[in-house]
Amino acid sequence: MLTDPQSIKIGGTTISLPRVATGKNESEYKSEDGLTELLLSSQYGARTRRVLRANVEKVTADPFIPTQNVKVGMSCYTVFDLPPAGYTAAEQLAVYAGLTELAGASTSAVIKALLGGQS
């Protein structure tokens, strides 16, 4: 289990995320205002699936009725989809490090392209 609380930095602002729930193979951390959530989970079966997920909500102008506000949300997550055996933790970490280095390489060019719809 991770330390409590966790924190995440979004747009230069650090948000504290105290643990609000735990279950079998999962934990949930949430900001005081309820708009930012961190989920960690593991599922076991024919394959092992590990997920780190951030859910973020905000209030913004309704695109159809600009005089009204609506709550919108997005999620960003990392998923490890593994066979039950065959990859050590170090090998899994090496793949993750390579992918995050590619995604974050100085200007985040690959992520910017992806978010722009490129593949």
C-alpha atoms as a PDB file:
ATOM      1  CA  MET A   1       0.000   0.000   0.000  1.00  0.00           C
ATOM      2  CA  LEU A   2       1.254   3.468  -0.864  1.00  0.00           C
ATOM      3  CA  THR A   3       1.843   6.182   1.691  1.00  0.00           C
ATOM      4  CA  ASP A   4      -1.135   8.325   2.652  1.00  0.00           C
ATOM      5  CA  PRO A   5      -1.683  10.954   1.370  1.00  0.00           C
ATOM      6  CA  GLN A   6      -0.434  10.850  -2.216  1.00  0.00           C
ATOM      7  CA  SER A   7      -0.054  14.023  -4.284  1.00  0.00           C
ATOM      8  CA  ILE A   8      -0.194  14.911  -7.960  1.00  0.00           C
ATOM      9  CA  LYS A   9       1.018  18.058  -9.709  1.00  0.00           C
ATOM     10  CA  ILE A  10      -1.305  19.294 -12.471  1.00  0.00           C
ATOM     11  CA  GLY A  11      -0.635  22.564 -14.269  1.00  0.00           C
ATOM     12  CA  GLY A  12       1.915  23.588 -11.657  1.00  0.00           C
ATOM     13  CA  THR A  13      -0.469  23.016  -8.729  1.00  0.00           C
ATOM     14  CA  THR A  14       0.205  20.198  -6.275  1.00  0.00           C
ATOM     15  CA  ILE A  15      -2.990  18.473  -5.138  1.00  0.00           C
ATOM     16  CA  SER A  16      -3.078  16.380  -1.966  1.00  0.00           C
ATOM     17  CA  LEU A  17      -4.911  13.073  -2.337  1.00  0.00           C
ATOM     18  CA  PRO A  18      -5.725  11.333   0.953  1.00  0.00           C
ATOM     19  CA  ARG A  19      -6.718   7.659   0.776  1.00  0.00           C
ATOM     20  CA  VAL A  20     -10.514   7.368   0.866  1.00  0.00           C
ATOM     21  CA  ALA A  21     -11.030   3.676   0.116  1.00  0.00           C
ATOM     22  CA  THR A  22      -9.240   0.363  -0.072  1.00  0.00           C
ATOM     23  CA  GLY A  23     -10.460  -2.948  -1.356  1.00  0.00           C
ATOM     24  CA  LYS A  24      -9.103  -6.232  -2.546  1.00  0.00           C
ATOM     25  CA  ASN A  25      -6.159  -5.280  -4.764  1.00  0.00           C
ATOM     26  CA  GLU A  26      -7.203  -1.616  -5.090  1.00  0.00           C
ATOM     27  CA  SER A  27      -6.876   1.789  -3.442  1.00  0.00           C
ATOM     28  CA  GLU A  28      -8.548   5.134  -4.092  1.00  0.00           C
ATOM     29  CA  TYR A  29      -7.165   8.572  -3.237  1.00  0.00           C
ATOM     30  CA  LYS A  30      -9.239  11.736  -3.636  1.00  0.00           C
ATOM     31  CA  SER A  31      -8.767  15.483  -3.268  1.00  0.00           C
ATOM     32  CA  GLU A  32     -10.717  17.411  -0.640  1.00  0.00           C
ATOM     33  CA  ASP A  33     -12.927  19.017  -3.315  1.00  0.00           C
ATOM     34  CA  GLY A  34     -13.574  15.621  -4.930  1.00  0.00           C
ATOM     35  CA  LEU A  35     -12.430  16.795  -8.368  1.00  0.00           C
ATOM     36  CA  THR A  36      -9.169  14.826  -8.541  1.00  0.00           C
ATOM     37  CA  GLU A  37      -8.915  11.092  -7.950  1.00  0.00           C
ATOM     38  CA  LEU A  38      -6.077   8.575  -8.120  1.00  0.00           C
ATOM     39  CA  LEU A  39      -6.888   4.870  -8.505  1.00  0.00           C
ATOM     40  CA  LEU A  40      -4.484   1.952  -8.277  1.00  0.00           C
ATOM     41  CA  SER A  41      -5.616  -1.600  -8.943  1.00  0.00           C
ATOM     42  CA  SER A  42      -4.478  -5.080  -9.907  1.00  0.00           C
ATOM     43  CA  GLN A  43      -6.584  -7.805 -11.519  1.00  0.00           C
ATOM     44  CA  TYR A  44      -5.526 -11.428 -11.794  1.00  0.00           C
ATOM     45  CA  GLY A  45      -6.719 -14.025 -14.287  1.00  0.00           C
ATOM     46  CA  ALA A  46      -5.437 -15.376 -17.598  1.00  0.00           C
ATOM     47  CA  ARG A  47      -3.376 -12.170 -17.624  1.00  0.00           C
ATOM     48  CA  THR A  48      -2.366  -9.759 -14.877  1.00  0.00           C
ATOM     49  CA  ARG A  49      -3.569  -6.188 -15.304  1.00  0.00           C
ATOM     50  CA  ARG A  50      -2.199  -3.334 -13.202  1.00  0.00           C
ATOM     51  CA  VAL A  51      -3.669   0.150 -13.547  1.00  0.00           C
ATOM     52  CA  LEU A  52      -2.616   3.597 -12.329  1.00  0.00           C
ATOM     53  CA  ARG A  53      -5.375   6.063 -13.193  1.00  0.00           C
ATOM     54  CA  ALA A  54      -5.981   9.765 -12.606  1.00  0.00           C
ATOM     55  CA  ASN A  55      -9.535  11.107 -12.978  1.00  0.00           C
ATOM     56  CA  VAL A  56      -9.866  14.893 -13.078  1.00  0.00           C
ATOM     57  CA  GLU A  57     -13.039  16.981 -13.219  1.00  0.00           C
ATOM     58  CA  LYS A  58     -13.600  20.711 -13.597  1.00  0.00           C
ATOM     59  CA  VAL A  59     -16.438  23.164 -14.081  1.00  0.00           C
ATOM     60  CA  THR A  60     -16.434  24.993 -17.419  1.00  0.00           C
ATOM     61  CA  ALA A  61     -18.777  26.883 -19.726  1.00  0.00           C
ATOM     62  CA  ASP A  62     -21.327  24.676 -21.482  1.00  0.00           C
ATOM     63  CA  PRO A  63     -20.357  24.682 -25.194  1.00  0.00           C
ATOM     64  CA  PHE A  64     -24.047  24.662 -26.171  1.00  0.00           C
ATOM     65  CA  ILE A  65     -25.303  27.157 -23.569  1.00  0.00           C
ATOM     66  CA  PRO A  66     -22.308  29.429 -22.802  1.00  0.00           C
ATOM     67  CA  THR A  67     -24.162  31.240 -20.015  1.00  0.00           C
ATOM     68  CA  GLN A  68     -24.329  27.985 -18.030  1.00  0.00           C
ATOM     69  CA  ASN A  69     -21.576  25.896 -16.490  1.00  0.00           C
ATOM     70  CA  VAL A  70     -21.202  22.125 -16.612  1.00  0.00           C
ATOM     71  CA  LYS A  71     -18.886  19.645 -14.916  1.00  0.00           C
ATOM     72  CA  VAL A  72     -16.607  17.786 -17.326  1.00  0.00           C
ATOM     73  CA  GLY A  73     -14.044  15.123 -16.623  1.00  0.00           C
ATOM     74  CA  MET A  74     -11.149  13.249 -18.139  1.00  0.00           C
ATOM     75  CA  SER A  75      -9.004  10.266 -17.249  1.00  0.00           C
ATOM     76  CA  CYS A  76      -5.379   9.451 -17.926  1.00  0.00           C
ATOM     77  CA  TYR A  77      -4.006   6.058 -17.068  1.00  0.00           C
ATOM     78  CA  THR A  78      -1.147   3.630 -17.398  1.00  0.00           C
ATOM     79  CA  VAL A  79      -1.955  -0.055 -17.833  1.00  0.00           C
ATOM     80  CA  PHE A  80       0.400  -2.980 -17.508  1.00  0.00           C
ATOM     81  CA  ASP A  81      -1.059  -6.048 -19.263  1.00  0.00           C
ATOM     82  CA  LEU A  82       1.122  -9.027 -18.391  1.00  0.00           C
ATOM     83  CA  PRO A  83       1.192 -12.779 -18.665  1.00  0.00           C
ATOM     84  CA  PRO A  84       1.030 -14.479 -15.258  1.00  0.00           C
ATOM     85  CA  ALA A  85       4.763 -15.273 -15.498  1.00  0.00           C
ATOM     86  CA  GLY A  86       7.718 -14.466 -17.723  1.00  0.00           C
ATOM     87  CA  TYR A  87       8.524 -10.812 -16.976  1.00  0.00           C
ATOM     88  CA  THR A  88      10.390  -9.795 -13.850  1.00  0.00           C
ATOM     89  CA  ALA A  89       9.512  -6.571 -12.046  1.00  0.00           C
ATOM     90  CA  ALA A  90      12.791  -5.106 -13.356  1.00  0.00           C
ATOM     91  CA  GLU A  91      11.875  -5.976 -16.959  1.00  0.00           C
ATOM     92  CA  GLN A  92       8.423  -4.455 -16.533  1.00  0.00           C
ATOM     93  CA  LEU A  93       9.979  -1.305 -15.091  1.00  0.00           C
ATOM     94  CA  ALA A  94      12.430  -1.121 -18.006  1.00  0.00           C
ATOM     95  CA  VAL A  95       9.575  -1.160 -20.538  1.00  0.00           C
ATOM     96  CA  TYR A  96       7.732   1.518 -18.540  1.00  0.00           C
ATOM     97  CA  ALA A  97      10.881   3.667 -18.334  1.00  0.00           C
ATOM     98  CA  GLY A  98      11.432   3.395 -22.085  1.00  0.00           C
ATOM     99  CA  LEU A  99       7.844   4.366 -22.852  1.00  0.00           C
ATOM    100  CA  THR A 100       7.787   7.299 -20.429  1.00  0.00           C
ATOM    101  CA  GLU A 101      11.129   8.522 -21.782  1.00  0.00           C
ATOM    102  CA  LEU A 102       9.708   8.425 -25.318  1.00  0.00           C
ATOM    103  CA  ALA A 103       6.491  10.165 -24.239  1.00  0.00           C
ATOM    104  CA  GLY A 104       8.213  12.835 -22.183  1.00  0.00           C
ATOM    105  CA  ALA A 105      11.300  13.404 -24.299  1.00  0.00           C
ATOM    106  CA  SER A 106      12.076  17.096 -23.645  1.00  0.00           C
ATOM    107  CA  THR A 107       9.032  18.574 -25.415  1.00  0.00           C
ATOM    108  CA  SER A 108       6.498  15.738 -25.003  1.00  0.00           C
ATOM    109  CA  ALA A 109       6.296  15.760 -28.821  1.00  0.00           C
ATOM    110  CA  VAL A 110       4.891  12.224 -29.083  1.00  0.00           C
ATOM    111  CA  ILE A 111       2.118  12.962 -26.554  1.00  0.00           C
ATOM    112  CA  LYS A 112       1.318  16.305 -28.223  1.00  0.00           C
ATOM    113  CA  ALA A 113       1.011  14.516 -31.554  1.00  0.00           C
ATOM    114  CA  LEU A 114      -1.174  11.799 -30.018  1.00  0.00           C
ATOM    115  CA  LEU A 115      -3.445  14.368 -28.353  1.00  0.00           C
ATOM    116  CA  GLY A 116      -3.702  16.084 -31.752  1.00  0.00           C
ATOM    117  CA  GLY A 117      -5.048  12.874 -33.272  1.00  0.00           C
ATOM    118  CA  GLN A 118      -1.862  11.617 -34.917  1.00  0.00           C
ATOM    119  CA  SER A 119      -0.824   7.980 -34.830  1.00  0.00           C
END
